N, C-alpha and C. Protein backbone atom coordinates (compact mmCIF):
# COMPACT_ATOMS: atom_id res chain seq x y z
N MET A 1 -11.22 13.21 1.57
CA MET A 1 -11.95 12.15 2.56
C MET A 1 -12.65 11.27 1.68
N THR A 2 -12.40 9.84 1.80
CA THR A 2 -13.02 9.06 1.36
C THR A 2 -14.69 8.68 1.61
N SER A 3 -15.43 8.07 1.01
CA SER A 3 -16.65 7.94 1.12
C SER A 3 -16.75 6.62 1.84
N SER A 4 -17.41 6.27 2.78
CA SER A 4 -17.67 5.15 3.52
C SER A 4 -18.98 4.49 3.08
N ILE A 5 -18.96 3.25 2.76
CA ILE A 5 -20.32 2.66 2.27
C ILE A 5 -20.53 1.54 3.08
N THR A 6 -21.87 1.23 2.97
CA THR A 6 -22.61 0.08 3.89
C THR A 6 -22.38 -1.41 3.03
N ILE A 7 -22.32 -2.64 3.73
CA ILE A 7 -22.20 -3.81 2.92
C ILE A 7 -23.24 -3.94 2.00
N ASP A 8 -24.59 -3.41 1.93
CA ASP A 8 -25.35 -3.46 1.14
C ASP A 8 -25.02 -2.55 -0.18
N ASP A 9 -24.75 -1.46 -0.14
CA ASP A 9 -24.11 -0.67 -1.21
C ASP A 9 -22.80 -1.33 -1.61
N ALA A 10 -22.07 -1.61 -1.02
CA ALA A 10 -20.80 -2.41 -1.57
C ALA A 10 -21.29 -3.52 -2.40
N ALA A 11 -22.14 -4.27 -2.08
CA ALA A 11 -22.54 -5.39 -2.76
C ALA A 11 -23.30 -4.98 -4.16
N GLU A 12 -23.81 -3.94 -4.24
CA GLU A 12 -24.60 -3.17 -5.34
C GLU A 12 -23.33 -2.66 -6.17
N ARG A 13 -22.41 -1.97 -5.52
CA ARG A 13 -21.51 -1.57 -6.59
C ARG A 13 -20.63 -2.57 -7.02
N LEU A 14 -20.35 -3.64 -6.17
CA LEU A 14 -19.27 -4.66 -6.71
C LEU A 14 -19.98 -5.37 -8.08
N LYS A 15 -21.02 -5.32 -8.28
CA LYS A 15 -21.80 -6.06 -9.31
C LYS A 15 -21.25 -5.50 -10.46
N ALA A 16 -21.03 -4.11 -10.47
CA ALA A 16 -20.55 -3.36 -11.61
C ALA A 16 -19.44 -3.05 -11.62
N ALA A 17 -18.51 -3.25 -10.64
CA ALA A 17 -17.13 -2.71 -10.72
C ALA A 17 -16.13 -3.74 -11.37
N GLU A 18 -15.11 -3.19 -11.96
CA GLU A 18 -14.18 -3.82 -12.71
C GLU A 18 -12.95 -4.05 -11.99
N ARG A 19 -12.38 -3.21 -10.90
CA ARG A 19 -11.59 -3.04 -10.43
C ARG A 19 -11.44 -2.90 -8.99
N VAL A 20 -11.28 -3.86 -8.06
CA VAL A 20 -11.41 -4.14 -6.63
C VAL A 20 -10.17 -3.93 -5.64
N LEU A 21 -10.18 -3.39 -4.81
CA LEU A 21 -9.28 -3.46 -3.76
C LEU A 21 -9.41 -3.94 -2.66
N VAL A 22 -8.61 -5.21 -2.05
CA VAL A 22 -9.15 -5.70 -0.69
C VAL A 22 -7.89 -5.36 0.13
N ILE A 23 -8.00 -4.85 1.32
CA ILE A 23 -6.87 -4.29 2.04
C ILE A 23 -7.24 -4.56 3.36
N GLY A 24 -6.22 -4.88 4.33
CA GLY A 24 -6.34 -4.97 5.54
C GLY A 24 -5.31 -5.91 6.18
N CYS A 25 -5.27 -6.06 7.52
CA CYS A 25 -4.12 -6.62 8.38
C CYS A 25 -4.00 -8.21 7.89
N SER A 26 -2.90 -8.64 8.00
CA SER A 26 -2.63 -9.99 7.69
C SER A 26 -3.35 -10.84 8.65
N GLY A 27 -3.96 -12.06 8.08
CA GLY A 27 -4.55 -13.02 8.72
C GLY A 27 -6.32 -12.17 8.91
N SER A 28 -6.59 -11.31 8.24
CA SER A 28 -7.91 -10.69 8.39
C SER A 28 -8.84 -11.28 7.55
N GLY A 29 -8.50 -12.20 6.43
CA GLY A 29 -9.35 -12.73 5.30
C GLY A 29 -9.15 -12.01 4.15
N LYS A 30 -8.35 -11.35 4.00
CA LYS A 30 -8.14 -10.61 2.50
C LYS A 30 -8.26 -11.59 1.28
N SER A 31 -7.35 -12.54 1.55
CA SER A 31 -7.19 -13.39 0.35
C SER A 31 -8.35 -14.20 -0.01
N THR A 32 -9.08 -14.83 1.32
CA THR A 32 -10.30 -15.67 1.01
C THR A 32 -11.47 -14.88 0.28
N LEU A 33 -11.49 -13.58 1.03
CA LEU A 33 -12.64 -12.74 0.16
C LEU A 33 -12.23 -12.30 -1.03
N ALA A 34 -10.91 -11.78 -1.66
CA ALA A 34 -10.70 -11.23 -2.92
C ALA A 34 -10.86 -12.52 -3.87
N GLN A 35 -10.46 -13.74 -3.45
CA GLN A 35 -10.84 -14.92 -4.42
C GLN A 35 -12.35 -15.23 -4.57
N GLY A 36 -12.94 -15.17 -3.32
CA GLY A 36 -14.52 -15.29 -3.64
C GLY A 36 -14.87 -14.36 -4.58
N LEU A 37 -14.54 -12.95 -4.40
CA LEU A 37 -15.15 -12.00 -5.39
C LEU A 37 -14.67 -12.40 -6.44
N GLY A 38 -13.38 -12.58 -6.98
CA GLY A 38 -12.90 -13.04 -8.24
C GLY A 38 -13.80 -14.06 -8.96
N ARG A 39 -14.07 -15.13 -8.13
CA ARG A 39 -14.95 -16.31 -8.70
C ARG A 39 -16.42 -15.60 -8.88
N ARG A 40 -17.05 -14.97 -8.11
CA ARG A 40 -18.44 -14.62 -8.26
C ARG A 40 -18.48 -13.49 -9.36
N LEU A 41 -17.38 -12.43 -9.43
CA LEU A 41 -17.58 -11.35 -10.43
C LEU A 41 -16.86 -11.68 -11.67
N GLY A 42 -16.03 -12.75 -11.80
CA GLY A 42 -15.40 -12.99 -13.14
C GLY A 42 -14.14 -12.09 -13.13
N LEU A 43 -13.57 -11.56 -11.91
CA LEU A 43 -12.69 -10.66 -12.04
C LEU A 43 -11.12 -11.39 -11.86
N PRO A 44 -10.27 -11.19 -12.45
CA PRO A 44 -8.88 -11.94 -12.22
C PRO A 44 -8.38 -11.73 -10.64
N TYR A 45 -8.01 -12.66 -10.24
CA TYR A 45 -7.46 -12.58 -8.80
C TYR A 45 -5.86 -12.12 -8.83
N VAL A 46 -5.53 -10.94 -8.10
CA VAL A 46 -3.96 -10.93 -7.93
C VAL A 46 -3.82 -10.87 -6.62
N SER A 47 -2.81 -11.56 -6.27
CA SER A 47 -2.16 -11.50 -4.94
C SER A 47 -0.88 -10.83 -4.94
N MET A 48 -0.83 -9.84 -4.15
CA MET A 48 0.30 -9.14 -4.11
C MET A 48 1.36 -9.88 -3.53
N ASP A 49 1.20 -10.75 -2.48
CA ASP A 49 2.35 -11.67 -2.09
C ASP A 49 3.22 -12.32 -2.98
N ARG A 50 2.08 -12.89 -4.01
CA ARG A 50 2.83 -13.75 -4.80
C ARG A 50 3.25 -13.09 -6.26
N GLU A 51 2.51 -12.06 -6.77
CA GLU A 51 2.85 -11.64 -8.03
C GLU A 51 3.86 -10.39 -7.72
N ILE A 52 3.76 -9.77 -6.74
CA ILE A 52 4.53 -8.47 -6.71
C ILE A 52 5.79 -8.67 -5.72
N PHE A 53 5.41 -9.08 -4.36
CA PHE A 53 6.48 -8.86 -3.68
C PHE A 53 7.77 -10.00 -2.99
N TRP A 54 7.18 -11.18 -3.49
CA TRP A 54 7.94 -12.11 -3.01
C TRP A 54 8.56 -13.19 -3.93
N LEU A 55 9.71 -13.66 -3.83
CA LEU A 55 10.57 -14.41 -4.74
C LEU A 55 10.75 -15.87 -3.76
N PRO A 56 10.95 -16.76 -4.45
CA PRO A 56 11.21 -18.07 -3.81
C PRO A 56 12.39 -17.69 -2.54
N GLY A 57 12.25 -18.36 -1.48
CA GLY A 57 13.20 -18.47 -0.40
C GLY A 57 12.92 -17.23 0.63
N TRP A 58 11.70 -16.66 0.43
CA TRP A 58 11.29 -15.33 1.20
C TRP A 58 12.29 -14.40 0.64
N THR A 59 12.78 -14.09 -0.39
CA THR A 59 13.28 -13.13 -1.01
C THR A 59 12.53 -12.03 -1.33
N VAL A 60 12.66 -10.61 -1.07
CA VAL A 60 12.08 -9.59 -1.39
C VAL A 60 12.30 -9.23 -2.83
N ARG A 61 11.28 -9.16 -3.57
CA ARG A 61 11.53 -8.55 -4.99
C ARG A 61 12.28 -7.34 -5.14
N PRO A 62 13.23 -7.01 -5.78
CA PRO A 62 13.57 -5.72 -5.72
C PRO A 62 12.78 -4.57 -5.97
N ARG A 63 12.64 -3.58 -5.25
CA ARG A 63 11.47 -2.43 -5.27
C ARG A 63 11.11 -2.13 -6.63
N ALA A 64 12.21 -1.66 -7.57
CA ALA A 64 11.85 -1.28 -8.80
C ALA A 64 11.22 -2.16 -9.61
N GLU A 65 11.43 -3.40 -9.67
CA GLU A 65 10.79 -4.69 -10.21
C GLU A 65 9.36 -4.76 -9.93
N ALA A 66 9.26 -4.70 -8.37
CA ALA A 66 7.82 -4.69 -7.87
C ALA A 66 6.71 -3.84 -8.13
N LEU A 67 7.52 -2.56 -8.24
CA LEU A 67 6.74 -1.25 -8.60
C LEU A 67 6.13 -1.49 -10.26
N ALA A 68 7.29 -2.03 -11.16
CA ALA A 68 6.93 -2.30 -12.41
C ALA A 68 5.98 -3.35 -12.74
N ARG A 69 5.99 -4.26 -12.00
CA ARG A 69 5.04 -5.28 -11.99
C ARG A 69 3.57 -4.98 -11.51
N MET A 70 3.48 -4.18 -10.42
CA MET A 70 2.30 -3.49 -10.15
C MET A 70 1.72 -2.26 -11.12
N ARG A 71 2.49 -1.55 -11.65
CA ARG A 71 1.96 -0.68 -12.70
C ARG A 71 1.44 -1.71 -13.80
N ASP A 72 1.98 -2.44 -14.28
CA ASP A 72 1.53 -3.61 -15.46
C ASP A 72 0.26 -4.30 -14.83
N ILE A 73 -0.22 -4.39 -14.02
CA ILE A 73 -1.30 -5.06 -13.20
C ILE A 73 -2.22 -4.09 -13.17
N VAL A 74 -2.24 -2.92 -12.54
CA VAL A 74 -3.21 -2.07 -12.57
C VAL A 74 -3.67 -1.24 -13.67
N VAL A 75 -2.72 -1.42 -14.85
CA VAL A 75 -3.52 -0.69 -16.03
C VAL A 75 -4.41 -1.81 -16.76
N GLY A 76 -4.38 -2.87 -16.20
CA GLY A 76 -5.43 -3.92 -16.47
C GLY A 76 -6.68 -3.41 -16.43
N GLU A 77 -7.90 -3.69 -17.52
CA GLU A 77 -9.03 -3.23 -17.19
C GLU A 77 -9.89 -4.04 -16.15
N ARG A 78 -9.44 -5.28 -15.62
CA ARG A 78 -10.42 -5.96 -14.48
C ARG A 78 -9.41 -6.62 -13.88
N TRP A 79 -9.79 -6.56 -12.42
CA TRP A 79 -9.02 -7.15 -11.73
C TRP A 79 -9.66 -7.06 -9.93
N VAL A 80 -8.95 -8.04 -9.19
CA VAL A 80 -9.21 -7.75 -7.54
C VAL A 80 -8.04 -8.19 -6.81
N ILE A 81 -7.42 -7.02 -6.49
CA ILE A 81 -6.18 -7.29 -5.64
C ILE A 81 -6.40 -7.32 -4.23
N ASP A 82 -5.45 -8.52 -4.09
CA ASP A 82 -5.51 -8.61 -2.41
C ASP A 82 -3.91 -8.32 -1.66
N GLY A 83 -4.26 -7.14 -1.13
CA GLY A 83 -2.59 -6.90 -0.81
C GLY A 83 -3.04 -5.27 -0.09
N THR A 84 -2.14 -5.03 1.14
CA THR A 84 -2.55 -3.91 1.73
C THR A 84 -1.29 -2.70 1.24
N SER A 85 -0.06 -3.08 1.27
CA SER A 85 1.01 -2.28 1.02
C SER A 85 0.77 -0.75 0.81
N PRO A 86 0.66 0.09 1.98
CA PRO A 86 0.68 1.58 1.69
C PRO A 86 1.42 2.12 0.74
N GLY A 87 2.55 1.71 0.49
CA GLY A 87 3.66 2.32 -0.45
C GLY A 87 3.06 2.27 -1.95
N THR A 88 2.29 1.37 -2.37
CA THR A 88 2.00 1.22 -3.47
C THR A 88 0.29 1.64 -3.91
N LEU A 89 -0.39 2.15 -2.68
CA LEU A 89 -1.70 2.72 -2.97
C LEU A 89 -1.64 3.80 -3.80
N GLU A 90 -0.85 4.44 -3.96
CA GLU A 90 -0.64 5.62 -4.88
C GLU A 90 -1.04 5.29 -6.26
N LEU A 91 -0.54 3.98 -6.77
CA LEU A 91 -0.60 3.41 -7.98
C LEU A 91 -1.78 2.83 -8.19
N ARG A 92 -2.40 2.13 -7.08
CA ARG A 92 -3.56 1.50 -7.16
C ARG A 92 -4.74 2.07 -6.94
N LEU A 93 -4.79 3.14 -6.18
CA LEU A 93 -6.20 3.72 -5.61
C LEU A 93 -6.82 4.69 -6.79
N PRO A 94 -6.06 5.12 -7.92
CA PRO A 94 -6.76 6.13 -9.01
C PRO A 94 -7.31 5.02 -9.88
N ARG A 95 -7.14 3.88 -9.97
CA ARG A 95 -7.94 3.07 -10.92
C ARG A 95 -8.50 1.87 -10.11
N THR A 96 -8.87 2.13 -8.67
CA THR A 96 -9.88 1.29 -8.19
C THR A 96 -11.22 1.69 -8.12
N HIS A 97 -12.45 1.00 -8.37
CA HIS A 97 -13.81 1.21 -8.26
C HIS A 97 -14.18 0.99 -6.99
N VAL A 98 -13.89 0.22 -6.11
CA VAL A 98 -14.40 -0.22 -4.70
C VAL A 98 -13.02 -0.50 -3.88
N ILE A 99 -13.22 -0.24 -2.66
CA ILE A 99 -12.27 -0.81 -1.82
C ILE A 99 -12.95 -1.42 -0.51
N LEU A 100 -12.48 -2.48 -0.26
CA LEU A 100 -12.87 -3.35 0.90
C LEU A 100 -11.73 -3.37 1.90
N TRP A 101 -11.96 -2.62 3.14
CA TRP A 101 -10.92 -2.62 4.13
C TRP A 101 -11.31 -3.54 5.47
N LEU A 102 -10.76 -4.71 5.49
CA LEU A 102 -11.02 -5.51 6.20
C LEU A 102 -10.13 -4.93 7.75
N ARG A 103 -11.07 -4.79 8.87
CA ARG A 103 -10.60 -4.21 10.05
C ARG A 103 -11.31 -4.98 11.36
N PRO A 104 -11.02 -6.10 11.18
CA PRO A 104 -11.61 -6.87 12.45
C PRO A 104 -10.71 -6.88 13.69
N PRO A 105 -11.18 -7.23 15.05
CA PRO A 105 -10.40 -6.83 15.94
C PRO A 105 -8.89 -7.74 15.74
N ARG A 106 -7.71 -7.35 16.51
CA ARG A 106 -6.54 -7.69 16.30
C ARG A 106 -6.64 -9.36 16.86
N TRP A 107 -7.28 -9.81 17.65
CA TRP A 107 -7.48 -11.40 17.70
C TRP A 107 -8.00 -11.94 16.67
N THR A 108 -8.89 -11.61 15.92
CA THR A 108 -9.32 -12.26 14.63
C THR A 108 -8.18 -12.50 13.74
N SER A 109 -7.30 -11.60 13.43
CA SER A 109 -6.39 -11.39 12.59
C SER A 109 -5.15 -12.53 13.27
N LEU A 110 -4.93 -12.43 14.32
CA LEU A 110 -3.80 -13.29 15.13
C LEU A 110 -4.41 -14.48 14.93
N TYR A 111 -5.64 -14.91 15.01
CA TYR A 111 -6.20 -16.27 15.04
C TYR A 111 -5.96 -16.99 13.51
N GLY A 112 -6.22 -15.92 12.56
CA GLY A 112 -6.15 -16.04 11.13
C GLY A 112 -4.65 -16.47 10.63
N VAL A 113 -3.64 -15.77 11.43
CA VAL A 113 -2.46 -16.25 10.78
C VAL A 113 -1.89 -17.40 11.70
N VAL A 114 -2.35 -17.76 12.82
CA VAL A 114 -1.84 -18.88 13.50
C VAL A 114 -2.34 -20.13 12.73
N SER A 115 -3.80 -19.90 12.58
CA SER A 115 -4.43 -20.99 11.87
C SER A 115 -3.96 -21.39 10.48
N ARG A 116 -3.56 -20.39 9.71
CA ARG A 116 -3.05 -20.43 8.43
C ARG A 116 -1.63 -21.11 8.73
N TRP A 117 -0.83 -20.72 9.63
CA TRP A 117 0.51 -21.42 9.75
C TRP A 117 0.35 -22.73 10.10
N LEU A 118 -0.64 -23.14 11.02
CA LEU A 118 -0.95 -24.68 11.30
C LEU A 118 -1.18 -25.43 10.08
N LYS A 119 -1.97 -24.74 9.23
CA LYS A 119 -2.68 -25.47 7.97
C LYS A 119 -1.42 -25.62 7.02
N PHE A 120 -0.64 -24.76 6.77
CA PHE A 120 0.31 -24.77 5.86
C PHE A 120 1.67 -24.81 6.23
N ARG A 121 1.96 -25.15 7.50
CA ARG A 121 3.31 -25.33 7.82
C ARG A 121 4.21 -26.21 7.37
N GLY A 122 5.31 -25.63 6.71
CA GLY A 122 6.29 -26.31 5.80
C GLY A 122 5.80 -26.29 4.43
N ARG A 123 5.04 -25.59 4.05
CA ARG A 123 4.48 -25.42 2.51
C ARG A 123 4.35 -24.24 2.36
N SER A 124 4.48 -23.72 0.94
CA SER A 124 3.97 -22.30 0.34
C SER A 124 2.35 -22.40 0.38
N ARG A 125 1.76 -21.36 0.87
CA ARG A 125 0.29 -21.40 0.88
C ARG A 125 -0.20 -20.97 -0.73
N PRO A 126 -1.19 -21.32 -1.33
CA PRO A 126 -1.49 -20.88 -2.82
C PRO A 126 -1.35 -19.25 -2.95
N GLU A 127 -1.59 -18.40 -1.96
CA GLU A 127 -1.43 -16.81 -2.18
C GLU A 127 0.01 -16.43 -2.17
N MET A 128 1.00 -17.27 -1.59
CA MET A 128 2.38 -16.93 -1.59
C MET A 128 3.21 -17.34 -2.89
N ALA A 129 4.43 -16.56 -2.99
CA ALA A 129 5.17 -17.23 -4.04
C ALA A 129 5.88 -18.56 -3.73
N ASP A 130 5.81 -19.45 -4.63
CA ASP A 130 6.48 -20.79 -4.54
C ASP A 130 7.94 -20.71 -3.58
N GLY A 131 8.23 -21.53 -2.91
CA GLY A 131 9.57 -21.51 -2.17
C GLY A 131 9.35 -20.76 -0.87
N CYS A 132 8.20 -20.34 -0.60
CA CYS A 132 7.84 -19.46 0.76
C CYS A 132 6.97 -20.22 1.67
N PRO A 133 7.58 -21.35 2.55
CA PRO A 133 6.84 -22.12 3.31
C PRO A 133 6.35 -21.05 4.41
N GLU A 134 5.15 -21.38 4.87
CA GLU A 134 4.31 -20.57 5.94
C GLU A 134 5.40 -20.53 7.09
N ARG A 135 5.38 -19.28 7.63
CA ARG A 135 6.38 -19.08 8.82
C ARG A 135 5.19 -18.10 9.70
N LEU A 136 5.95 -18.51 10.97
CA LEU A 136 5.49 -17.63 12.18
C LEU A 136 6.64 -16.88 13.01
N SER A 137 6.57 -15.70 13.41
CA SER A 137 7.43 -15.06 14.41
C SER A 137 6.99 -14.05 15.11
N LEU A 138 7.55 -13.94 16.18
CA LEU A 138 7.09 -12.84 17.32
C LEU A 138 7.09 -11.33 16.55
N GLU A 139 7.98 -11.31 15.44
CA GLU A 139 8.04 -9.80 14.95
C GLU A 139 6.78 -9.81 13.98
N PHE A 140 6.49 -10.74 13.43
CA PHE A 140 4.95 -10.87 12.39
C PHE A 140 3.75 -10.61 13.45
N LEU A 141 3.97 -11.35 14.61
CA LEU A 141 2.61 -11.45 15.45
C LEU A 141 2.55 -9.86 16.27
N THR A 142 3.78 -9.35 16.41
CA THR A 142 3.64 -7.84 16.87
C THR A 142 3.07 -6.91 15.79
N TYR A 143 3.45 -7.17 14.66
CA TYR A 143 3.15 -6.43 13.54
C TYR A 143 1.56 -6.21 13.53
N ILE A 144 1.03 -7.41 13.69
CA ILE A 144 -0.33 -7.90 13.47
C ILE A 144 -1.10 -7.09 14.70
N TRP A 145 -0.67 -7.18 15.99
CA TRP A 145 -1.06 -6.65 17.00
C TRP A 145 -1.02 -5.44 17.07
N ASN A 146 -0.23 -4.58 16.48
CA ASN A 146 -0.12 -3.00 16.28
C ASN A 146 -0.52 -2.44 15.09
N PHE A 147 -1.08 -3.45 14.28
CA PHE A 147 -1.50 -3.01 12.90
C PHE A 147 -2.34 -1.65 13.06
N GLU A 148 -3.41 -1.64 13.53
CA GLU A 148 -4.21 -0.47 13.54
C GLU A 148 -3.62 0.72 14.05
N LYS A 149 -2.69 0.78 14.98
CA LYS A 149 -1.96 1.75 15.36
C LYS A 149 -0.61 2.25 14.45
N THR A 150 -0.24 1.46 13.84
CA THR A 150 0.95 1.56 13.18
C THR A 150 0.83 1.54 11.46
N GLU A 151 -0.23 1.18 11.08
CA GLU A 151 -0.52 1.05 9.57
C GLU A 151 -1.67 1.90 9.41
N SER A 152 -2.81 1.88 10.01
CA SER A 152 -3.98 2.34 9.61
C SER A 152 -3.87 3.94 9.37
N PRO A 153 -3.20 4.83 10.30
CA PRO A 153 -2.96 5.94 9.95
C PRO A 153 -2.42 6.23 8.51
N GLU A 154 -1.37 5.85 8.09
CA GLU A 154 -0.85 5.70 6.71
C GLU A 154 -1.67 5.38 5.67
N ILE A 155 -2.65 4.38 5.98
CA ILE A 155 -3.38 4.01 4.79
C ILE A 155 -4.73 5.05 4.65
N GLU A 156 -5.15 5.56 5.89
CA GLU A 156 -6.03 6.56 5.67
C GLU A 156 -5.71 7.70 5.00
N GLU A 157 -4.61 8.01 5.38
CA GLU A 157 -3.74 9.41 4.76
C GLU A 157 -3.44 8.80 3.13
N LYS A 158 -3.26 7.70 2.50
CA LYS A 158 -3.08 7.51 1.20
C LYS A 158 -4.42 7.27 0.52
N LEU A 159 -5.57 7.00 1.31
CA LEU A 159 -6.93 6.89 1.04
C LEU A 159 -7.37 8.35 0.62
N ALA A 160 -7.19 9.28 1.21
CA ALA A 160 -7.47 10.68 1.35
C ALA A 160 -6.86 11.52 0.06
N ALA A 161 -5.65 10.80 0.14
CA ALA A 161 -4.81 11.58 -0.97
C ALA A 161 -4.90 11.20 -2.58
N TYR A 162 -5.06 9.69 -2.54
CA TYR A 162 -5.09 9.18 -3.92
C TYR A 162 -6.35 8.46 -4.27
N GLY A 163 -7.49 8.37 -3.25
CA GLY A 163 -8.64 7.72 -3.84
C GLY A 163 -9.73 8.52 -3.07
N PRO A 164 -9.74 9.85 -3.03
CA PRO A 164 -10.51 10.50 -1.92
C PRO A 164 -12.19 10.15 -2.61
N ASP A 165 -12.24 9.89 -3.91
CA ASP A 165 -13.64 9.47 -4.54
C ASP A 165 -14.06 8.06 -4.71
N VAL A 166 -13.24 7.14 -4.02
CA VAL A 166 -13.24 5.65 -4.24
C VAL A 166 -14.12 5.33 -2.72
N PRO A 167 -15.34 4.70 -3.10
CA PRO A 167 -16.00 4.08 -1.93
C PRO A 167 -15.13 3.22 -1.12
N VAL A 168 -15.32 3.17 0.05
CA VAL A 168 -14.82 2.37 1.07
C VAL A 168 -15.62 1.57 1.77
N CYS A 169 -15.72 0.31 1.83
CA CYS A 169 -16.61 -0.46 2.66
C CYS A 169 -15.78 -1.30 3.81
N VAL A 170 -15.76 -0.73 5.07
CA VAL A 170 -15.02 -1.16 6.10
C VAL A 170 -15.94 -2.64 6.66
N LEU A 171 -14.99 -3.66 6.85
CA LEU A 171 -15.68 -5.04 7.15
C LEU A 171 -14.85 -5.45 8.32
N LYS A 172 -15.67 -5.28 9.59
CA LYS A 172 -15.11 -5.74 10.86
C LYS A 172 -15.07 -7.14 11.40
N SER A 173 -15.43 -8.10 10.63
CA SER A 173 -15.51 -9.43 11.03
C SER A 173 -15.51 -10.35 9.91
N LYS A 174 -15.02 -11.57 10.07
CA LYS A 174 -15.08 -12.57 8.98
C LYS A 174 -16.67 -12.94 8.44
N ALA A 175 -17.76 -12.65 9.55
CA ALA A 175 -18.95 -12.87 9.31
C ALA A 175 -19.40 -11.79 8.42
N GLU A 176 -19.00 -10.71 8.54
CA GLU A 176 -19.16 -9.32 7.39
C GLU A 176 -18.62 -9.75 5.91
N ASN A 177 -17.34 -10.35 6.19
CA ASN A 177 -16.83 -10.71 4.74
C ASN A 177 -17.65 -11.71 3.93
N ARG A 178 -18.28 -12.71 5.04
CA ARG A 178 -19.07 -13.75 4.16
C ARG A 178 -20.46 -13.13 3.75
N GLN A 179 -21.26 -12.37 4.67
CA GLN A 179 -22.30 -11.53 4.44
C GLN A 179 -22.31 -10.84 3.22
N LEU A 180 -21.09 -9.99 2.75
CA LEU A 180 -20.84 -9.37 1.61
C LEU A 180 -20.94 -10.42 0.44
N LEU A 181 -20.18 -11.47 0.43
CA LEU A 181 -20.00 -12.30 -0.55
C LEU A 181 -21.66 -13.03 -0.72
N ALA A 182 -22.26 -13.13 0.37
CA ALA A 182 -23.44 -13.86 -0.06
C ALA A 182 -24.59 -12.88 -0.50
N ARG A 183 -24.30 -11.62 -0.38
CA ARG A 183 -25.27 -10.45 -0.83
C ARG A 183 -25.00 -10.47 -2.38
N ILE A 184 -23.67 -10.54 -2.89
CA ILE A 184 -23.30 -10.54 -4.25
C ILE A 184 -23.74 -11.89 -5.02
N GLY A 185 -23.67 -12.91 -4.34
CA GLY A 185 -24.35 -14.36 -5.02
C GLY A 185 -23.66 -14.89 -6.00
N GLU A 186 -24.05 -15.38 -6.85
CA GLU A 186 -23.24 -16.00 -7.94
C GLU A 186 -23.64 -14.90 -9.26
N VAL A 187 -22.77 -13.88 -9.40
CA VAL A 187 -23.05 -13.08 -10.61
C VAL A 187 -22.59 -13.66 -11.96
N TYR A 188 -21.47 -13.83 -11.79
CA TYR A 188 -20.51 -14.27 -13.02
C TYR A 188 -21.28 -15.68 -13.67
């Protein structure tokens, strides 16, 4: 069983953390929060979409290569990783000091991906591999709509199996994401 912590406790723990994992549904604000943490805490920011999973043209990186890249990253002494991917949690959790799990209402995440699509339509956003222009599909929107039902049980299972002693702070809104960043302040 993972230990759930408050925003205040997370803020204190993050000030000393060297390896932080930011997980949650697409559009929940993972990249924004992870980049803000990286800047405030002086931690290297890693976008799993950009560094691990995607190649130009929305080509999925071969699994063996993606896992090798993930292993190379997690052995590093300091990082903040932005990405959920339950299939790689067993590699990341044993090295993680704090987990921030973004779990806003599905409407928040849907709004996040639609506004991101409008902002970057026809271009690759900074957290995505080059040559992967922002896109939106019914399949992706359905994935977001069903995320809590389809993905969260596996995430909870992996947290219990591979990170039972890693503190988890659940953030339920973008306001809570901002509140956490504000509590950390400009540490670095």
